[in-house]
Amino acid sequence: AHSPGTIVRRLAEVLAAGGQFNISPFHGGTYYGFAAGRDPLLGPDGFLCTSNDSGAPLSDLGAPTPAYHAVRRICTFASRFSRVLSHLDPARQPVTLLPDSVRVGRGVKAAATTPPGSVSVVHAVGSQGGVVFVFGDDSSAAGAGSSGNQRMSLLLPDGSTLPVELGEQSVVWCLLDTRLTGRANLDYCNLCALALVGRVLVCFGAAGSRALLSINGAPFETVVPEGKLPFVHEHEGICLVIASDRQVDELAIDDGGVYIGVRGIDRHGQPIPHPEHRQWTRIDTEGKSVVTRLGTPTNGTHEAKPARGHKPTLGEWNLVETNDYCTGKSPRYAAVAKPADLVSLGAPYGYGWYRATFDSSSARRIDLMFPHAAHRLHLWLDGEPLGVIGAGPGAGPMVLPVSLKKGAHTLVALAENFGRVSSGADLGEEFLTENHAIMMYEPLLPGGGSQS
């Protein structure tokens, strides 16, 4: 799993090269029961864990992970400004280099105030506008997702400079010469653009840094707010929502407007209250704001109440005794013609009990062998535990020395299923059976006897 900063950096590299990305997995998952499987490339004990998210934005429980908000920012930008990104002209970038090695992007030069080699710039230009991607130190992105609050200046094609501050971001993207509406053109902006909804432009940057932008040749400057709420201002017919890189995670956007001070939007299109805010603000596509306080209705049917979780309650627990299985006295044992694997006995997953009864003509020492047991066996002889053999922690080899007394004996094996092979040449039921990778019980019995 990669850090959030590294994930966002890689996604930005794809966009800077004019490509599109897919995030896999976006949602973690859980393999229930015994469906996790095994990876043959990891060796005989290459078991796969049942719960895994691989650093996905959403965990297997559906909760946001540390990568969620970071990925959400760049995904929202890519979606809301797809018109700009889809019209980038590759012909205007005859050579594309990795951001790690780029010091000068086409049309934009970096006059960095940070140590050489710690910042790289890629300028992507198209018919609908341009984007400057400023990549911070990759070693910082691989850590906690912060680039050490790096500051630098971009030298624009007209000779002017544009200061950029990364803050906690591993990469910053700045729009240049981008049409916002029919009458508004964004000349430049040194903050990350998040979304454009009607006449509302949402962008974010490091708290306390200078926010510089120009629309229709009219420059605007302010300071990125450090409090709980973003800065809202109208400039050249555009409603500007300027947030810090922390406040932006408390914004939600849909086609009807922008919500400030919420955790998101539910499946019914209603804002989800944020536990740290007592109200939220909705800005529609025309830039008009409506404030809703918690406890007051947002419409005729929905009240804005804080979301509260429900305390789970547990039912009664039952303990199933296994003594009659270990001793071989359980009536649930059924006779079989010969030893068989669990799949053919109707138990492809889980556990299976095997029982063999035999007579020993004298007291002696023998070796029990299980050449076809692929996973793990828990063994009992006459109700007394012998040990564990097979694969996995605490298991011994497939040959087990046993001392027998004269007379009848009952050998019981609990076959434990570790899951099937998940990939590679061993994938497939038929191949698994032929290569004895499915658990099979076939002990070497002394002096003959019966099995069940």
Protein backbone atom coordinates (compact mmCIF):
# COMPACT_ATOMS: atom_id res chain seq x y z
CA ALA A 1 0.00 0.00 0.00
CA HIS A 2 1.27 3.47 -0.89
CA SER A 3 0.93 6.67 1.10
CA PRO A 4 -1.83 9.13 0.10
CA GLY A 5 0.78 11.58 -1.18
CA THR A 6 2.35 8.96 -3.44
CA ILE A 7 -1.03 7.85 -4.80
CA VAL A 8 -2.07 11.41 -5.71
CA ARG A 9 1.32 12.07 -7.25
CA ARG A 10 1.03 9.02 -9.51
CA LEU A 11 -2.49 10.01 -10.57
CA ALA A 12 -1.30 13.53 -11.36
CA GLU A 13 1.54 12.11 -13.45
CA VAL A 14 -1.03 10.24 -15.56
CA LEU A 15 -3.06 13.42 -16.10
CA ALA A 16 0.04 15.46 -16.89
CA ALA A 17 0.92 12.95 -19.62
CA GLY A 18 -2.54 13.32 -21.16
CA GLY A 19 -3.80 9.94 -19.95
CA GLN A 20 -6.67 8.62 -17.88
CA PHE A 21 -6.42 6.51 -14.75
CA ASN A 22 -8.32 3.74 -13.00
CA ILE A 23 -7.93 3.14 -9.28
CA SER A 24 -7.85 -0.51 -8.32
CA PRO A 25 -8.95 -1.33 -5.76
CA PHE A 26 -11.06 1.71 -4.92
CA HIS A 27 -12.93 -0.25 -2.25
CA GLY A 28 -11.31 -2.81 -0.02
CA GLY A 29 -12.94 -6.18 0.44
CA THR A 30 -13.28 -9.19 2.69
CA TYR A 31 -13.12 -12.81 1.59
CA TYR A 32 -15.58 -14.51 3.87
CA GLY A 33 -15.19 -18.02 5.16
CA PHE A 34 -12.40 -19.89 3.39
CA ALA A 35 -12.53 -18.02 0.06
CA ALA A 36 -9.33 -16.01 0.48
CA GLY A 37 -7.19 -18.59 -1.30
CA ARG A 38 -3.45 -19.02 -1.60
CA ASP A 39 -0.78 -17.49 -3.79
CA PRO A 40 1.63 -20.12 -5.17
CA LEU A 41 4.22 -17.43 -5.87
CA LEU A 42 4.58 -16.89 -2.12
CA GLY A 43 5.55 -20.51 -1.47
CA PRO A 44 3.76 -23.35 0.31
CA ASP A 45 2.65 -21.05 3.13
CA GLY A 46 1.52 -18.22 0.83
CA PHE A 47 -1.89 -17.71 2.42
CA LEU A 48 -3.95 -14.65 1.51
CA CYS A 49 -5.49 -12.62 4.30
CA THR A 50 -9.28 -12.53 4.42
CA SER A 51 -9.49 -8.75 4.83
CA ASN A 52 -7.48 -6.39 2.66
CA ASP A 53 -7.81 -2.90 1.21
CA SER A 54 -4.30 -2.45 -0.30
CA GLY A 55 -4.41 1.23 0.62
CA ALA A 56 -7.70 1.74 -1.23
CA PRO A 57 -9.61 5.01 -0.65
CA LEU A 58 -12.41 3.01 1.02
CA SER A 59 -11.71 0.20 3.46
CA ASP A 60 -13.43 -3.17 3.36
CA LEU A 61 -15.89 -1.76 5.93
CA GLY A 62 -16.77 1.12 3.60
CA ALA A 63 -15.05 3.73 5.77
CA PRO A 64 -12.74 6.38 4.27
CA THR A 65 -9.04 5.59 4.63
CA PRO A 66 -6.26 8.21 4.84
CA ALA A 67 -6.07 8.12 1.03
CA TYR A 68 -9.76 8.90 0.47
CA HIS A 69 -9.75 12.69 0.72
CA ALA A 70 -6.47 13.05 -1.13
CA VAL A 71 -7.72 10.91 -4.02
CA ARG A 72 -11.11 12.63 -3.97
CA ARG A 73 -9.49 16.00 -4.64
CA ILE A 74 -7.70 15.04 -7.82
CA CYS A 75 -10.56 12.81 -9.03
CA THR A 76 -13.04 15.66 -8.60
CA PHE A 77 -10.70 17.98 -10.51
CA ALA A 78 -10.27 15.46 -13.31
CA SER A 79 -14.03 14.97 -13.54
CA ARG A 80 -15.13 18.59 -13.29
CA PHE A 81 -12.43 19.84 -15.66
CA SER A 82 -12.55 16.91 -18.06
CA ARG A 83 -13.17 19.37 -20.90
CA VAL A 84 -9.74 20.89 -20.34
CA LEU A 85 -7.93 17.60 -19.83
CA SER A 86 -9.57 15.82 -22.79
CA HIS A 87 -8.50 18.60 -25.21
CA LEU A 88 -4.83 18.63 -24.26
CA ASP A 89 -2.73 18.54 -27.42
CA PRO A 90 -0.01 15.86 -27.30
CA ALA A 91 1.58 17.38 -30.41
CA ARG A 92 2.57 20.40 -28.35
CA GLN A 93 4.60 18.10 -26.11
CA PRO A 94 6.82 16.15 -28.50
CA VAL A 95 8.72 14.57 -25.61
CA THR A 96 7.17 13.51 -22.32
CA LEU A 97 9.47 12.87 -19.37
CA LEU A 98 8.77 11.50 -15.96
CA PRO A 99 7.95 14.30 -13.53
CA ASP A 100 10.84 13.15 -11.36
CA SER A 101 13.29 14.15 -14.10
CA VAL A 102 11.60 17.22 -15.53
CA ARG A 103 13.01 20.58 -14.54
CA VAL A 104 11.46 22.65 -17.32
CA GLY A 105 7.99 22.06 -18.76
CA ARG A 106 6.93 23.29 -22.18
CA GLY A 107 5.83 26.94 -21.92
CA VAL A 108 6.52 27.22 -18.19
CA LYS A 109 9.86 27.39 -16.43
CA ALA A 110 10.46 26.76 -12.76
CA ALA A 111 12.39 29.32 -10.76
CA ALA A 112 12.44 27.25 -7.61
CA THR A 113 13.44 28.65 -4.26
CA THR A 114 13.87 25.11 -2.89
CA PRO A 115 16.95 22.90 -3.29
CA PRO A 116 17.64 21.79 -6.90
CA GLY A 117 15.97 18.57 -7.92
CA SER A 118 13.23 18.75 -5.28
CA VAL A 119 10.58 20.23 -7.61
CA SER A 120 9.58 19.40 -11.17
CA VAL A 121 7.08 21.04 -13.50
CA VAL A 122 4.97 19.78 -16.39
CA HIS A 123 2.91 22.22 -18.47
CA ALA A 124 0.09 20.59 -20.44
CA VAL A 125 -1.62 22.82 -23.02
CA GLY A 126 -4.77 22.31 -25.09
CA SER A 127 -7.50 24.11 -26.98
CA GLN A 128 -9.65 24.50 -23.83
CA GLY A 129 -6.89 25.72 -21.54
CA GLY A 130 -3.71 24.66 -19.85
CA VAL A 131 -2.67 22.97 -16.60
CA VAL A 132 0.64 23.33 -14.83
CA PHE A 133 1.48 20.35 -12.61
CA VAL A 134 4.04 21.17 -9.92
CA PHE A 135 5.44 18.02 -8.32
CA GLY A 136 7.09 18.17 -4.94
CA ASP A 137 9.88 16.02 -3.59
CA ASP A 138 8.92 12.40 -4.25
CA SER A 139 10.58 11.24 -1.04
CA SER A 140 8.26 13.51 0.93
CA ALA A 141 5.22 12.23 -0.93
CA ALA A 142 6.20 8.68 -0.02
CA GLY A 143 6.13 9.61 3.64
CA ALA A 144 3.24 11.27 5.37
CA GLY A 145 1.91 12.89 2.21
CA SER A 146 3.54 16.25 2.89
CA SER A 147 6.11 17.92 0.69
CA GLY A 148 7.61 19.95 3.51
CA ASN A 149 5.66 23.13 2.63
CA GLN A 150 7.78 23.78 -0.44
CA ARG A 151 7.55 27.18 -2.11
CA MET A 152 8.62 28.12 -5.60
CA SER A 153 7.79 30.54 -8.43
CA LEU A 154 6.63 29.73 -11.93
CA LEU A 155 7.89 31.83 -14.80
CA LEU A 156 4.93 32.27 -17.15
CA PRO A 157 5.26 32.69 -20.96
CA ASP A 158 4.64 36.46 -20.72
CA GLY A 159 7.55 36.87 -18.31
CA SER A 160 5.50 37.27 -15.14
CA THR A 161 5.98 35.03 -12.11
CA LEU A 162 3.40 33.05 -10.15
CA PRO A 163 4.27 31.90 -6.62
CA VAL A 164 3.12 28.41 -5.73
CA GLU A 165 3.11 26.74 -2.31
CA LEU A 166 2.60 23.00 -1.95
CA GLY A 167 1.73 22.93 1.75
CA GLU A 168 0.72 19.35 2.64
CA GLN A 169 0.15 18.44 -1.00
CA SER A 170 2.54 16.20 -2.94
CA VAL A 171 1.51 17.94 -6.17
CA VAL A 172 -0.27 21.17 -7.11
CA TRP A 173 -2.13 21.77 -10.38
CA CYS A 174 -2.70 25.32 -11.60
CA LEU A 175 -5.07 26.28 -14.41
CA LEU A 176 -3.92 28.80 -17.03
CA ASP A 177 -5.95 30.51 -19.77
CA THR A 178 -9.05 28.41 -19.12
CA ARG A 179 -12.57 29.40 -20.14
CA LEU A 180 -14.89 29.23 -17.11
CA THR A 181 -18.12 30.58 -18.58
CA GLY A 182 -19.10 32.37 -21.76
CA ARG A 183 -17.96 35.68 -20.30
CA ALA A 184 -15.26 34.62 -17.85
CA ASN A 185 -11.75 33.42 -18.69
CA LEU A 186 -9.37 32.34 -15.96
CA ASP A 187 -5.99 33.81 -16.85
CA TYR A 188 -4.09 32.11 -14.04
CA CYS A 189 -4.55 30.68 -10.56
CA ASN A 190 -1.87 29.50 -8.17
CA LEU A 191 -4.25 27.23 -6.22
CA CYS A 192 -5.51 23.75 -7.04
CA ALA A 193 -8.80 23.86 -8.89
CA LEU A 194 -11.37 21.45 -7.47
CA ALA A 195 -14.56 22.08 -9.42
CA LEU A 196 -16.55 24.49 -11.53
CA VAL A 197 -20.32 24.33 -10.91
CA GLY A 198 -22.19 26.91 -12.95
CA ARG A 199 -20.64 30.22 -11.96
CA VAL A 200 -18.99 28.80 -8.82
CA LEU A 201 -15.26 28.05 -8.91
CA VAL A 202 -13.87 26.02 -6.00
CA CYS A 203 -10.13 25.91 -5.43
CA PHE A 204 -7.87 25.13 -2.50
CA GLY A 205 -4.32 25.60 -1.27
CA ALA A 206 -2.09 25.72 1.77
CA ALA A 207 -3.66 27.54 4.72
CA GLY A 208 -2.17 31.00 5.21
CA SER A 209 -0.61 31.13 1.75
CA ARG A 210 -1.24 33.84 -0.87
CA ALA A 211 -4.06 33.10 -3.28
CA LEU A 212 -3.48 34.75 -6.66
CA LEU A 213 -5.76 34.54 -9.66
CA SER A 214 -6.92 36.63 -12.57
CA ILE A 215 -10.22 36.56 -14.48
CA ASN A 216 -10.70 38.56 -17.66
CA GLY A 217 -7.45 40.39 -16.99
CA ALA A 218 -8.58 41.52 -13.52
CA PRO A 219 -6.24 40.16 -10.82
CA PHE A 220 -7.47 39.13 -7.38
CA GLU A 221 -5.43 38.40 -4.28
CA THR A 222 -6.35 37.11 -0.83
CA VAL A 223 -5.06 34.76 1.86
CA VAL A 224 -6.17 31.14 2.04
CA PRO A 225 -8.22 30.99 5.26
CA GLU A 226 -6.95 29.09 8.27
CA GLY A 227 -10.22 28.75 10.19
CA LYS A 228 -13.05 26.28 9.75
CA LEU A 229 -14.80 27.90 6.79
CA PRO A 230 -13.61 28.73 3.27
CA PHE A 231 -13.49 32.25 1.84
CA VAL A 232 -16.36 33.12 -0.52
CA HIS A 233 -16.16 36.14 -2.83
CA GLU A 234 -17.56 37.21 -6.20
CA HIS A 235 -15.07 38.38 -8.81
CA GLU A 236 -15.83 39.17 -12.45
CA GLY A 237 -19.16 37.37 -12.29
CA ILE A 238 -17.60 34.23 -10.77
CA CYS A 239 -18.32 33.12 -7.20
CA LEU A 240 -14.96 32.10 -5.77
CA VAL A 241 -14.82 29.51 -2.99
CA ILE A 242 -11.27 29.41 -1.67
CA ALA A 243 -10.55 26.70 0.89
CA SER A 244 -7.50 25.39 2.68
CA ASP A 245 -6.25 21.88 2.00
CA ARG A 246 -8.06 20.82 5.17
CA GLN A 247 -11.31 22.74 4.63
CA VAL A 248 -11.70 21.26 1.16
CA ASP A 249 -12.36 17.86 2.70
CA GLU A 250 -15.49 19.32 4.31
CA LEU A 251 -16.97 20.36 0.95
CA ALA A 252 -19.40 18.37 -1.17
CA ILE A 253 -20.27 19.05 -4.79
CA ASP A 254 -23.09 18.00 -7.07
CA ASP A 255 -24.52 19.40 -10.29
CA GLY A 256 -26.80 21.72 -8.34
CA GLY A 257 -24.22 23.49 -6.22
CA VAL A 258 -21.56 23.37 -3.52
CA TYR A 259 -22.09 22.38 0.13
CA ILE A 260 -19.76 23.81 2.77
CA GLY A 261 -19.36 22.17 6.20
CA VAL A 262 -20.62 18.67 5.38
CA ARG A 263 -19.18 15.15 5.25
CA GLY A 264 -20.68 14.39 1.86
CA ILE A 265 -23.97 13.77 0.07
CA ASP A 266 -26.09 10.70 0.71
CA ARG A 267 -27.76 8.52 -1.91
CA HIS A 268 -30.91 10.66 -1.68
CA GLY A 269 -28.98 13.78 -2.64
CA GLN A 270 -29.09 15.20 0.88
CA PRO A 271 -26.03 16.64 2.65
CA ILE A 272 -24.54 14.59 5.46
CA PRO A 273 -23.88 16.82 8.50
CA HIS A 274 -20.32 17.16 9.70
CA PRO A 275 -19.79 16.50 13.44
CA GLU A 276 -17.61 19.61 13.82
CA HIS A 277 -20.12 22.02 12.26
CA ARG A 278 -23.47 23.20 13.59
CA GLN A 279 -24.60 24.38 10.16
CA TRP A 280 -23.84 24.09 6.49
CA THR A 281 -23.98 26.45 3.54
CA ARG A 282 -25.26 25.60 0.08
CA ILE A 283 -24.12 27.75 -2.84
CA ASP A 284 -26.17 27.17 -5.98
CA THR A 285 -24.93 27.40 -9.57
CA GLU A 286 -25.64 31.15 -9.64
CA GLY A 287 -23.57 31.82 -6.54
CA LYS A 288 -26.49 32.35 -4.13
CA SER A 289 -25.95 31.05 -0.59
CA VAL A 290 -28.42 29.44 1.82
CA VAL A 291 -27.39 28.55 5.39
CA THR A 292 -29.01 25.56 7.10
CA ARG A 293 -28.59 25.02 10.82
CA LEU A 294 -28.76 21.58 12.37
CA GLY A 295 -32.21 20.66 13.59
CA THR A 296 -34.01 22.79 10.99
CA PRO A 297 -35.63 21.22 7.93
CA THR A 298 -33.83 21.48 4.60
CA ASN A 299 -37.06 20.65 2.74
CA GLY A 300 -40.52 19.32 3.49
CA THR A 301 -39.39 15.83 4.42
CA HIS A 302 -35.78 15.90 5.58
CA GLU A 303 -34.39 17.36 8.78
CA ALA A 304 -30.78 18.26 9.20
CA LYS A 305 -29.83 16.17 12.18
CA PRO A 306 -26.36 14.91 13.09
CA ALA A 307 -25.65 11.43 11.80
CA ARG A 308 -25.37 8.99 14.69
CA GLY A 309 -24.26 5.42 14.57
CA HIS A 310 -26.22 2.58 16.11
CA LYS A 311 -24.63 0.53 18.84
CA PRO A 312 -24.54 -3.09 17.70
CA THR A 313 -26.06 -5.73 19.94
CA LEU A 314 -24.80 -9.29 20.10
CA GLY A 315 -27.03 -12.31 20.43
CA GLU A 316 -26.41 -15.42 22.46
CA TRP A 317 -23.24 -17.44 21.89
CA ASN A 318 -23.31 -21.20 21.69
CA LEU A 319 -20.37 -23.55 22.14
CA VAL A 320 -20.31 -26.70 20.05
CA GLU A 321 -18.48 -29.54 21.72
CA THR A 322 -16.10 -31.59 19.58
CA ASN A 323 -15.19 -34.36 22.00
CA ASP A 324 -17.39 -36.92 20.25
CA TYR A 325 -15.71 -36.06 16.96
CA CYS A 326 -12.20 -36.35 18.39
CA THR A 327 -12.95 -39.74 19.94
CA GLY A 328 -14.71 -40.92 16.77
CA LYS A 329 -18.02 -41.60 18.57
CA SER A 330 -20.10 -38.98 16.77
CA PRO A 331 -23.09 -40.49 14.89
CA ARG A 332 -22.52 -38.01 12.08
CA TYR A 333 -19.59 -40.03 10.68
CA ALA A 334 -20.63 -41.80 7.47
CA ALA A 335 -18.94 -44.74 5.77
CA VAL A 336 -17.09 -44.12 2.50
CA ALA A 337 -15.77 -46.65 0.02
CA LYS A 338 -12.27 -45.21 0.01
CA PRO A 339 -10.40 -42.09 1.13
CA ALA A 340 -11.65 -39.04 -0.78
CA ASP A 341 -11.03 -35.32 -0.88
CA LEU A 342 -13.42 -32.87 0.76
CA VAL A 343 -14.78 -31.56 -2.54
CA SER A 344 -16.04 -34.98 -3.63
CA LEU A 345 -17.53 -35.45 -0.16
CA GLY A 346 -19.59 -32.28 -0.53
CA ALA A 347 -17.47 -29.93 1.63
CA PRO A 348 -15.46 -27.71 -0.77
CA TYR A 349 -14.82 -25.11 1.95
CA GLY A 350 -14.36 -25.21 5.68
CA TYR A 351 -13.43 -28.19 7.81
CA GLY A 352 -13.91 -31.91 7.41
CA TRP A 353 -13.63 -34.77 9.88
CA TYR A 354 -12.09 -38.13 8.87
CA ARG A 355 -12.11 -41.30 11.00
CA ALA A 356 -10.20 -44.55 10.50
CA THR A 357 -10.47 -47.62 12.74
CA PHE A 358 -7.91 -50.42 12.71
CA ASP A 359 -6.42 -53.20 14.84
CA SER A 360 -2.82 -53.62 15.88
CA SER A 361 -1.67 -57.20 16.46
CA SER A 362 1.03 -56.10 18.88
CA ALA A 363 2.53 -53.07 20.60
CA ARG A 364 4.81 -51.33 18.16
CA ARG A 365 5.96 -48.01 16.72
CA ILE A 366 4.81 -46.94 13.24
CA ASP A 367 4.94 -43.90 10.98
CA LEU A 368 1.73 -42.28 9.80
CA MET A 369 2.06 -40.70 6.35
CA PHE A 370 -0.30 -38.24 4.63
CA PRO A 371 1.12 -37.67 1.14
CA HIS A 372 -2.08 -36.12 -0.29
CA ALA A 373 -2.96 -33.67 2.50
CA ALA A 374 -2.41 -30.25 0.97
CA HIS A 375 -3.39 -27.97 3.86
CA ARG A 376 -3.36 -28.93 7.53
CA LEU A 377 -4.53 -31.88 9.65
CA HIS A 378 -5.26 -31.96 13.39
CA LEU A 379 -4.84 -35.56 14.58
CA TRP A 380 -6.22 -37.59 17.50
CA LEU A 381 -5.53 -41.24 18.33
CA ASP A 382 -8.09 -42.87 20.60
CA GLY A 383 -9.27 -39.42 21.67
CA GLU A 384 -5.78 -38.15 22.59
CA PRO A 385 -4.20 -35.40 20.48
CA LEU A 386 -1.24 -36.44 18.31
CA GLY A 387 -0.34 -33.04 16.88
CA VAL A 388 -0.75 -30.96 13.73
CA ILE A 389 0.82 -31.73 10.37
CA GLY A 390 0.81 -30.05 6.97
CA ALA A 391 1.14 -26.38 6.08
CA GLY A 392 0.78 -23.27 8.18
CA PRO A 393 2.06 -22.12 11.57
CA GLY A 394 2.70 -24.82 14.16
CA ALA A 395 2.35 -27.68 11.69
CA GLY A 396 4.88 -30.47 11.44
CA PRO A 397 5.95 -32.70 8.54
CA MET A 398 3.62 -35.10 6.73
CA VAL A 399 5.19 -38.13 8.47
CA LEU A 400 4.23 -38.63 12.11
CA PRO A 401 5.75 -41.36 14.34
CA VAL A 402 3.17 -43.03 16.61
CA SER A 403 3.44 -45.68 19.35
CA LEU A 404 0.59 -48.21 19.24
CA LYS A 405 -0.68 -50.61 21.86
CA LYS A 406 -2.09 -54.00 21.00
CA GLY A 407 -5.78 -53.88 20.14
CA ALA A 408 -8.29 -51.64 18.36
CA HIS A 409 -7.56 -47.99 17.62
CA THR A 410 -9.43 -45.02 16.24
CA LEU A 411 -7.55 -42.35 14.28
CA VAL A 412 -9.36 -39.02 13.71
CA ALA A 413 -8.19 -36.16 11.48
CA LEU A 414 -9.70 -32.69 11.29
CA ALA A 415 -8.91 -31.42 7.78
CA GLU A 416 -8.48 -27.63 7.81
CA ASN A 417 -9.02 -25.82 4.51
CA PHE A 418 -6.67 -22.91 3.85
CA GLY A 419 -8.28 -21.88 0.56
CA ARG A 420 -7.58 -22.68 -3.05
CA VAL A 421 -4.85 -21.40 -5.31
CA SER A 422 -5.79 -17.92 -6.51
CA SER A 423 -3.63 -17.54 -9.61
CA GLY A 424 -0.95 -19.05 -11.78
CA ALA A 425 -0.62 -22.46 -13.43
CA ASP A 426 -2.24 -24.22 -10.44
CA LEU A 427 -5.60 -22.50 -10.96
CA GLY A 428 -8.45 -24.92 -11.66
CA GLU A 429 -10.21 -27.80 -9.94
CA GLU A 430 -8.93 -30.56 -12.24
CA PHE A 431 -5.33 -29.46 -12.01
CA LEU A 432 -5.56 -29.06 -8.27
CA THR A 433 -6.82 -32.62 -7.84
CA GLU A 434 -4.17 -34.09 -10.07
CA ASN A 435 -1.42 -32.30 -8.17
CA HIS A 436 -2.82 -33.22 -4.76
CA ALA A 437 -3.32 -29.57 -3.83
CA ILE A 438 -6.80 -30.32 -2.53
CA MET A 439 -6.78 -31.92 0.91
CA MET A 440 -6.95 -35.72 0.88
CA TYR A 441 -6.59 -38.19 3.73
CA GLU A 442 -4.84 -41.43 2.89
CA PRO A 443 -2.97 -42.80 5.91
CA LEU A 444 -0.64 -45.80 5.85
CA LEU A 445 -2.57 -48.27 7.99
CA PRO A 446 -0.79 -51.08 9.87
CA GLY A 447 -2.13 -54.57 9.36
CA GLY A 448 -5.17 -53.56 7.32
CA GLY A 449 -8.40 -52.34 8.96
CA SER A 450 -11.50 -50.35 8.16
CA GLN A 451 -11.98 -46.65 7.40
CA SER A 452 -14.95 -44.33 7.59
